[in-house]
Every structure is written in structure tokens, then in C-alpha cells.
Amino acid sequence: MRLYLVSRNPKKVEELAHLAKACGIELVPIDIPKVEIQSEILVEVALYSATVAHLSVKRPLIVEDSGLFVKSLNMFPGALSSYVYKTIGVRGVLKLMEGVEDREAFFESVIALAAPTLDGVKTFRGSVRGRIAEEPRGTGGFGFDPIFVPEGYTTTFAEMGIEEKNAVSHRGMAFRALCRWLLENCERIACEGWT
């Protein structure tokens, strides 16, 4: 089965391609603009992006959108994580957290699937709890990975290899939920004919 991925982020493409291969899916990145609405609700952003992309491409595709939600910052940056990363970055978030003891946070991922044989867009979610590190650590991953330590670990996402991160990450959880759904519903939605 082939799915197209709307993303210009090579690290995200690498992580999702790794997950797709384990699920028997050929994931093909397509370089089209990802149209996003401004919303504090991650699922709304992913739904809109997938709908617009599908109108343009007319092929089975996924859009993945993630957010870092920091409890002591009133769940900021949340659905605005990409913009916040581009503007103030990891150091900016750490600056906002100077002197803050409660470092609880979670990462959430929403994958939106759009295809000609689907009635609407289907979404899949994954979430992982953790905390914000005191300083950036590691060179892997992307975005806020150097400051996020998942629950039960002492290493940041950026200190993990791709397999370890995918095993516990929000994106890995969302993609595995997509895979399970496809396995259960492939015949009904005729996904074996997706190209």
C-alpha cells in the first residue's frame, strides 16, 4: 500500500517512513505547501491541512501535526509549536521556564488520513507525557526534542535513536493507531488499490 506524506521536514519524513516500513506501507513524501489554519486545537489544524492537500493531490495521503504542551506555561506552545520553534526556539522556551519548578509537559501528535475511498478525513492521535529538561541535550530528532524527556526516561528525545524514539513517541503512537485501523478496515475502504 502507498500513502503520500505532506511534509517538508526531512526529519519528520525519516521518522514516519521508518514507522511506515514496519507496517508494510510505502510512504512517499510530496513537496506541496502544507496549508494550516491558526487554531489552538491540534486536530483542527491536521484536518484542515489534510482536506486541502487532498483536494489538490487527489491521492491517499497523511498529514502529521504535533504540539508540545507545557503545563506551567498554560499549555503553550501547543498547536503553535512549529511557529514558536521558528521564532523563539528551544532557548526561548527554556527562558520562559527559568525558575519554574513544575516542568510537566506532554507531546501530542495527530495524523490525518485523506483518501478517495474514504468518507471524510480520519484522524489518529498519540500522546506522551514527560518533562522539560533544564537544558538542551542530544543532536537527534528535531524541534523541541532536545528539551523533552518522556516519562520513565532520563534521556531527551534528541538523545534517542530513531527506533527508541519511535517506540515511545507521540508520533509513533499515532502512526501505529493508523496502521491498526488500516489493517482492520482496508477491505472496506479498498486501500489495496491505493497508488
C-alpha atoms as a PDB file:
ATOM      1  CA  MET A   1       0.000   0.000   0.000  1.00  0.00           C
ATOM      2  CA  ARG A   2       1.238   3.504  -0.808  1.00  0.00           C
ATOM      3  CA  LEU A   3       0.499   6.639   1.186  1.00  0.00           C
ATOM      4  CA  TYR A   4       1.687  10.145   0.418  1.00  0.00           C
ATOM      5  CA  LEU A   5       3.044  12.338   3.191  1.00  0.00           C
ATOM      6  CA  VAL A   6       2.620  16.105   3.083  1.00  0.00           C
ATOM      7  CA  SER A   7       5.747  17.408   4.791  1.00  0.00           C
ATOM      8  CA  ARG A   8       8.849  19.443   4.000  1.00  0.00           C
ATOM      9  CA  ASN A   9      10.550  18.388   7.239  1.00  0.00           C
ATOM     10  CA  PRO A  10      13.185  15.749   6.365  1.00  0.00           C
ATOM     11  CA  LYS A  11      13.483  14.529   9.976  1.00  0.00           C
ATOM     12  CA  LYS A  12       9.710  14.028  10.258  1.00  0.00           C
ATOM     13  CA  VAL A  13       9.720  12.213   6.906  1.00  0.00           C
ATOM     14  CA  GLU A  14      12.518   9.931   8.157  1.00  0.00           C
ATOM     15  CA  GLU A  15      10.683   9.047  11.387  1.00  0.00           C
ATOM     16  CA  LEU A  16       7.362   8.399   9.666  1.00  0.00           C
ATOM     17  CA  ALA A  17       8.968   6.399   6.829  1.00  0.00           C
ATOM     18  CA  HIS A  18      10.618   4.171   9.439  1.00  0.00           C
ATOM     19  CA  LEU A  19       7.238   3.583  11.113  1.00  0.00           C
ATOM     20  CA  ALA A  20       5.514   3.024   7.752  1.00  0.00           C
ATOM     21  CA  LYS A  21       8.041   0.401   6.655  1.00  0.00           C
ATOM     22  CA  ALA A  22       7.394  -1.622   9.821  1.00  0.00           C
ATOM     23  CA  CYS A  23       3.683  -1.504   8.942  1.00  0.00           C
ATOM     24  CA  GLY A  24       4.150  -2.543   5.299  1.00  0.00           C
ATOM     25  CA  ILE A  25       3.319   0.907   3.914  1.00  0.00           C
ATOM     26  CA  GLU A  26       5.336   2.716   1.277  1.00  0.00           C
ATOM     27  CA  LEU A  27       5.388   6.339   2.402  1.00  0.00           C
ATOM     28  CA  VAL A  28       6.102   8.843  -0.371  1.00  0.00           C
ATOM     29  CA  PRO A  29       6.809  12.455   0.622  1.00  0.00           C
ATOM     30  CA  ILE A  30       5.203  15.088  -1.591  1.00  0.00           C
ATOM     31  CA  ASP A  31       6.539  18.606  -1.661  1.00  0.00           C
ATOM     32  CA  ILE A  32       3.426  20.736  -1.655  1.00  0.00           C
ATOM     33  CA  PRO A  33       2.674  23.607   0.708  1.00  0.00           C
ATOM     34  CA  LYS A  34       1.019  22.454   3.926  1.00  0.00           C
ATOM     35  CA  VAL A  35      -1.855  24.879   4.453  1.00  0.00           C
ATOM     36  CA  GLU A  36      -2.500  25.423   8.163  1.00  0.00           C
ATOM     37  CA  ILE A  37      -5.217  27.293   9.972  1.00  0.00           C
ATOM     38  CA  GLN A  38      -4.479  29.145  13.177  1.00  0.00           C
ATOM     39  CA  SER A  39      -6.129  27.120  15.897  1.00  0.00           C
ATOM     40  CA  GLU A  40      -5.285  26.081  19.443  1.00  0.00           C
ATOM     41  CA  ILE A  41      -6.771  22.664  18.652  1.00  0.00           C
ATOM     42  CA  LEU A  42      -4.258  20.349  17.007  1.00  0.00           C
ATOM     43  CA  VAL A  43      -6.842  18.076  15.385  1.00  0.00           C
ATOM     44  CA  GLU A  44      -8.442  21.065  13.613  1.00  0.00           C
ATOM     45  CA  VAL A  45      -5.076  22.020  12.115  1.00  0.00           C
ATOM     46  CA  ALA A  46      -4.391  18.481  10.856  1.00  0.00           C
ATOM     47  CA  LEU A  47      -7.932  18.004   9.489  1.00  0.00           C
ATOM     48  CA  TYR A  48      -7.825  21.246   7.535  1.00  0.00           C
ATOM     49  CA  SER A  49      -4.328  20.591   6.154  1.00  0.00           C
ATOM     50  CA  ALA A  50      -5.245  17.071   5.001  1.00  0.00           C
ATOM     51  CA  THR A  51      -8.500  18.212   3.413  1.00  0.00           C
ATOM     52  CA  VAL A  52      -6.812  20.994   1.418  1.00  0.00           C
ATOM     53  CA  ALA A  53      -3.899  18.756   0.380  1.00  0.00           C
ATOM     54  CA  HIS A  54      -6.260  16.004  -0.770  1.00  0.00           C
ATOM     55  CA  LEU A  55      -8.262  18.438  -2.912  1.00  0.00           C
ATOM     56  CA  SER A  56      -5.000  19.285  -4.668  1.00  0.00           C
ATOM     57  CA  VAL A  57      -3.344  15.868  -4.905  1.00  0.00           C
ATOM     58  CA  LYS A  58      -6.380  13.542  -5.044  1.00  0.00           C
ATOM     59  CA  ARG A  59      -4.329  10.618  -3.756  1.00  0.00           C
ATOM     60  CA  PRO A  60      -4.271   8.790  -0.397  1.00  0.00           C
ATOM     61  CA  LEU A  61      -2.240  10.979   1.928  1.00  0.00           C
ATOM     62  CA  ILE A  62      -1.448  11.777   5.514  1.00  0.00           C
ATOM     63  CA  VAL A  63      -0.621  14.983   7.312  1.00  0.00           C
ATOM     64  CA  GLU A  64       1.003  14.863  10.742  1.00  0.00           C
ATOM     65  CA  ASP A  65       0.845  17.753  13.148  1.00  0.00           C
ATOM     66  CA  SER A  66       2.395  17.816  16.614  1.00  0.00           C
ATOM     67  CA  GLY A  67       2.455  20.103  19.588  1.00  0.00           C
ATOM     68  CA  LEU A  68       4.382  20.462  22.833  1.00  0.00           C
ATOM     69  CA  PHE A  69       2.085  21.373  25.728  1.00  0.00           C
ATOM     70  CA  VAL A  70       3.816  22.741  28.845  1.00  0.00           C
ATOM     71  CA  LYS A  71       1.647  22.742  31.972  1.00  0.00           C
ATOM     72  CA  SER A  72       3.290  25.702  33.732  1.00  0.00           C
ATOM     73  CA  LEU A  73       3.002  27.783  30.532  1.00  0.00           C
ATOM     74  CA  ASN A  74      -0.774  27.200  30.321  1.00  0.00           C
ATOM     75  CA  MET A  75      -0.209  24.517  27.639  1.00  0.00           C
ATOM     76  CA  PHE A  76       1.897  26.868  25.478  1.00  0.00           C
ATOM     77  CA  PRO A  77       3.159  26.435  22.770  1.00  0.00           C
ATOM     78  CA  GLY A  78       0.609  23.693  21.962  1.00  0.00           C
ATOM     79  CA  ALA A  79      -0.703  23.760  18.401  1.00  0.00           C
ATOM     80  CA  LEU A  80       1.570  26.746  17.712  1.00  0.00           C
ATOM     81  CA  SER A  81       4.735  24.717  18.380  1.00  0.00           C
ATOM     82  CA  SER A  82       6.133  24.949  14.849  1.00  0.00           C
ATOM     83  CA  TYR A  83       5.761  28.727  14.801  1.00  0.00           C
ATOM     84  CA  VAL A  84       7.172  29.086  18.321  1.00  0.00           C
ATOM     85  CA  TYR A  85      10.131  26.881  17.397  1.00  0.00           C
ATOM     86  CA  LYS A  86      10.846  29.050  14.332  1.00  0.00           C
ATOM     87  CA  THR A  87      10.568  32.305  16.300  1.00  0.00           C
ATOM     88  CA  ILE A  88      11.982  31.765  19.808  1.00  0.00           C
ATOM     89  CA  GLY A  89      13.244  28.193  19.552  1.00  0.00           C
ATOM     90  CA  VAL A  90      14.323  25.820  22.287  1.00  0.00           C
ATOM     91  CA  ARG A  91      16.257  28.548  24.119  1.00  0.00           C
ATOM     92  CA  GLY A  92      13.208  30.813  24.146  1.00  0.00           C
ATOM     93  CA  VAL A  93      11.035  28.165  25.787  1.00  0.00           C
ATOM     94  CA  LEU A  94      13.758  27.455  28.333  1.00  0.00           C
ATOM     95  CA  LYS A  95      13.966  31.205  29.053  1.00  0.00           C
ATOM     96  CA  LEU A  96      10.209  31.258  29.745  1.00  0.00           C
ATOM     97  CA  MET A  97      10.743  28.414  32.207  1.00  0.00           C
ATOM     98  CA  GLU A  98      13.616  29.919  34.170  1.00  0.00           C
ATOM     99  CA  GLY A  99      12.969  29.359  37.866  1.00  0.00           C
ATOM    100  CA  VAL A 100       9.886  27.202  37.191  1.00  0.00           C
ATOM    101  CA  GLU A 101       9.831  24.022  39.273  1.00  0.00           C
ATOM    102  CA  ASP A 102       6.840  22.329  37.616  1.00  0.00           C
ATOM    103  CA  ARG A 103       8.307  21.120  34.318  1.00  0.00           C
ATOM    104  CA  GLU A 104       5.487  18.731  33.416  1.00  0.00           C
ATOM    105  CA  ALA A 105       4.656  18.635  29.704  1.00  0.00           C
ATOM    106  CA  PHE A 106       3.302  16.374  27.017  1.00  0.00           C
ATOM    107  CA  PHE A 107       3.752  15.967  23.294  1.00  0.00           C
ATOM    108  CA  GLU A 108       0.701  15.226  21.164  1.00  0.00           C
ATOM    109  CA  SER A 109       0.529  14.081  17.546  1.00  0.00           C
ATOM    110  CA  VAL A 110      -2.435  13.993  15.195  1.00  0.00           C
ATOM    111  CA  ILE A 111      -2.217  12.147  11.896  1.00  0.00           C
ATOM    112  CA  ALA A 112      -4.985  12.943   9.423  1.00  0.00           C
ATOM    113  CA  LEU A 113      -5.666  10.436   6.632  1.00  0.00           C
ATOM    114  CA  ALA A 114      -7.466  11.516   3.446  1.00  0.00           C
ATOM    115  CA  ALA A 115      -8.141   9.210   0.508  1.00  0.00           C
ATOM    116  CA  PRO A 116     -10.557   8.981  -2.438  1.00  0.00           C
ATOM    117  CA  THR A 117     -12.270   5.889  -0.959  1.00  0.00           C
ATOM    118  CA  LEU A 118     -12.759   7.415   2.493  1.00  0.00           C
ATOM    119  CA  ASP A 119     -15.858   9.255   3.579  1.00  0.00           C
ATOM    120  CA  GLY A 120     -14.208  12.354   5.071  1.00  0.00           C
ATOM    121  CA  VAL A 121     -10.859  12.560   6.854  1.00  0.00           C
ATOM    122  CA  LYS A 122      -9.897  10.083   9.585  1.00  0.00           C
ATOM    123  CA  THR A 123      -7.648  11.174  12.462  1.00  0.00           C
ATOM    124  CA  PHE A 124      -5.329   9.231  14.767  1.00  0.00           C
ATOM    125  CA  ARG A 125      -3.792  10.576  17.966  1.00  0.00           C
ATOM    126  CA  GLY A 126      -0.823   9.817  20.133  1.00  0.00           C
ATOM    127  CA  SER A 127       0.328  11.471  23.323  1.00  0.00           C
ATOM    128  CA  VAL A 128       3.330  11.048  25.594  1.00  0.00           C
ATOM    129  CA  ARG A 129       3.815  12.659  28.996  1.00  0.00           C
ATOM    130  CA  GLY A 130       7.153  13.878  30.250  1.00  0.00           C
ATOM    131  CA  ARG A 131       9.008  16.930  31.446  1.00  0.00           C
ATOM    132  CA  ILE A 132      11.067  19.811  30.127  1.00  0.00           C
ATOM    133  CA  ALA A 133      14.814  19.408  30.694  1.00  0.00           C
ATOM    134  CA  GLU A 134      16.857  22.177  32.274  1.00  0.00           C
ATOM    135  CA  GLU A 135      18.996  22.499  29.143  1.00  0.00           C
ATOM    136  CA  PRO A 136      19.041  21.115  25.581  1.00  0.00           C
ATOM    137  CA  ARG A 137      20.605  17.651  25.255  1.00  0.00           C
ATOM    138  CA  GLY A 138      21.245  15.490  22.196  1.00  0.00           C
ATOM    139  CA  THR A 139      21.573  16.008  18.471  1.00  0.00           C
ATOM    140  CA  GLY A 140      18.896  13.680  17.088  1.00  0.00           C
ATOM    141  CA  GLY A 141      15.275  14.357  16.290  1.00  0.00           C
ATOM    142  CA  PHE A 142      14.038  17.865  15.571  1.00  0.00           C
ATOM    143  CA  GLY A 143      12.092  20.757  17.026  1.00  0.00           C
ATOM    144  CA  PHE A 144      11.734  20.613  20.800  1.00  0.00           C
ATOM    145  CA  ASP A 145      13.184  17.077  21.069  1.00  0.00           C
ATOM    146  CA  PRO A 146      16.372  18.303  22.851  1.00  0.00           C
ATOM    147  CA  ILE A 147      14.354  19.542  25.842  1.00  0.00           C
ATOM    148  CA  PHE A 148      11.663  16.858  26.171  1.00  0.00           C
ATOM    149  CA  VAL A 149      12.270  13.901  28.496  1.00  0.00           C
ATOM    150  CA  PRO A 150       9.498  11.283  28.214  1.00  0.00           C
ATOM    151  CA  GLU A 151       8.057   9.796  31.399  1.00  0.00           C
ATOM    152  CA  GLY A 152      10.134   6.868  32.669  1.00  0.00           C
ATOM    153  CA  TYR A 153      13.297   8.029  30.876  1.00  0.00           C
ATOM    154  CA  THR A 154      16.308  10.175  31.755  1.00  0.00           C
ATOM    155  CA  THR A 155      17.197  10.932  28.125  1.00  0.00           C
ATOM    156  CA  THR A 156      15.608  13.523  25.858  1.00  0.00           C
ATOM    157  CA  PHE A 157      14.037  12.554  22.532  1.00  0.00           C
ATOM    158  CA  ALA A 158      17.106  14.104  20.872  1.00  0.00           C
ATOM    159  CA  GLU A 159      19.394  11.694  22.750  1.00  0.00           C
ATOM    160  CA  MET A 160      17.474   8.653  21.486  1.00  0.00           C
ATOM    161  CA  GLY A 161      17.978   6.760  18.261  1.00  0.00           C
ATOM    162  CA  ILE A 162      15.105   6.678  15.793  1.00  0.00           C
ATOM    163  CA  GLU A 163      13.907   3.212  16.850  1.00  0.00           C
ATOM    164  CA  GLU A 164      13.863   4.049  20.554  1.00  0.00           C
ATOM    165  CA  LYS A 165      12.127   7.377  19.980  1.00  0.00           C
ATOM    166  CA  ASN A 166       9.519   5.857  17.641  1.00  0.00           C
ATOM    167  CA  ALA A 167       8.778   3.159  20.241  1.00  0.00           C
ATOM    168  CA  VAL A 168       7.694   5.735  22.856  1.00  0.00           C
ATOM    169  CA  SER A 169       6.873   8.915  20.953  1.00  0.00           C
ATOM    170  CA  HIS A 170       3.547  10.586  20.323  1.00  0.00           C
ATOM    171  CA  ARG A 171       4.153  10.314  16.563  1.00  0.00           C
ATOM    172  CA  GLY A 172       4.889   6.583  16.853  1.00  0.00           C
ATOM    173  CA  MET A 173       1.682   6.028  18.830  1.00  0.00           C
ATOM    174  CA  ALA A 174      -0.424   7.937  16.307  1.00  0.00           C
ATOM    175  CA  PHE A 175       1.113   6.098  13.352  1.00  0.00           C
ATOM    176  CA  ARG A 176       0.635   2.678  14.944  1.00  0.00           C
ATOM    177  CA  ALA A 177      -3.032   3.615  15.543  1.00  0.00           C
ATOM    178  CA  LEU A 178      -3.300   4.461  11.816  1.00  0.00           C
ATOM    179  CA  CYS A 179      -1.732   1.092  10.902  1.00  0.00           C
ATOM    180  CA  ARG A 180      -4.125  -0.859  13.134  1.00  0.00           C
ATOM    181  CA  TRP A 181      -7.102   0.969  11.638  1.00  0.00           C
ATOM    182  CA  LEU A 182      -5.929   0.310   8.091  1.00  0.00           C
ATOM    183  CA  LEU A 183      -5.446  -3.403   8.825  1.00  0.00           C
ATOM    184  CA  GLU A 184      -8.971  -3.636  10.236  1.00  0.00           C
ATOM    185  CA  ASN A 185     -10.640  -1.534   7.505  1.00  0.00           C
ATOM    186  CA  CYS A 186      -8.543  -1.986   4.364  1.00  0.00           C
ATOM    187  CA  GLU A 187     -11.009  -4.268   2.609  1.00  0.00           C
ATOM    188  CA  ARG A 188     -13.965  -1.986   3.331  1.00  0.00           C
ATOM    189  CA  ILE A 189     -12.188   1.128   2.015  1.00  0.00           C
ATOM    190  CA  ALA A 190     -10.396  -0.684  -0.847  1.00  0.00           C
ATOM    191  CA  CYS A 191      -6.985   0.540   0.244  1.00  0.00           C
ATOM    192  CA  GLU A 192      -5.149  -2.248  -1.628  1.00  0.00           C
ATOM    193  CA  GLY A 193      -5.797  -0.176  -4.762  1.00  0.00           C
ATOM    194  CA  TRP A 194      -4.226   2.990  -3.378  1.00  0.00           C
ATOM    195  CA  THR A 195      -1.347   4.201  -5.549  1.00  0.00           C
END
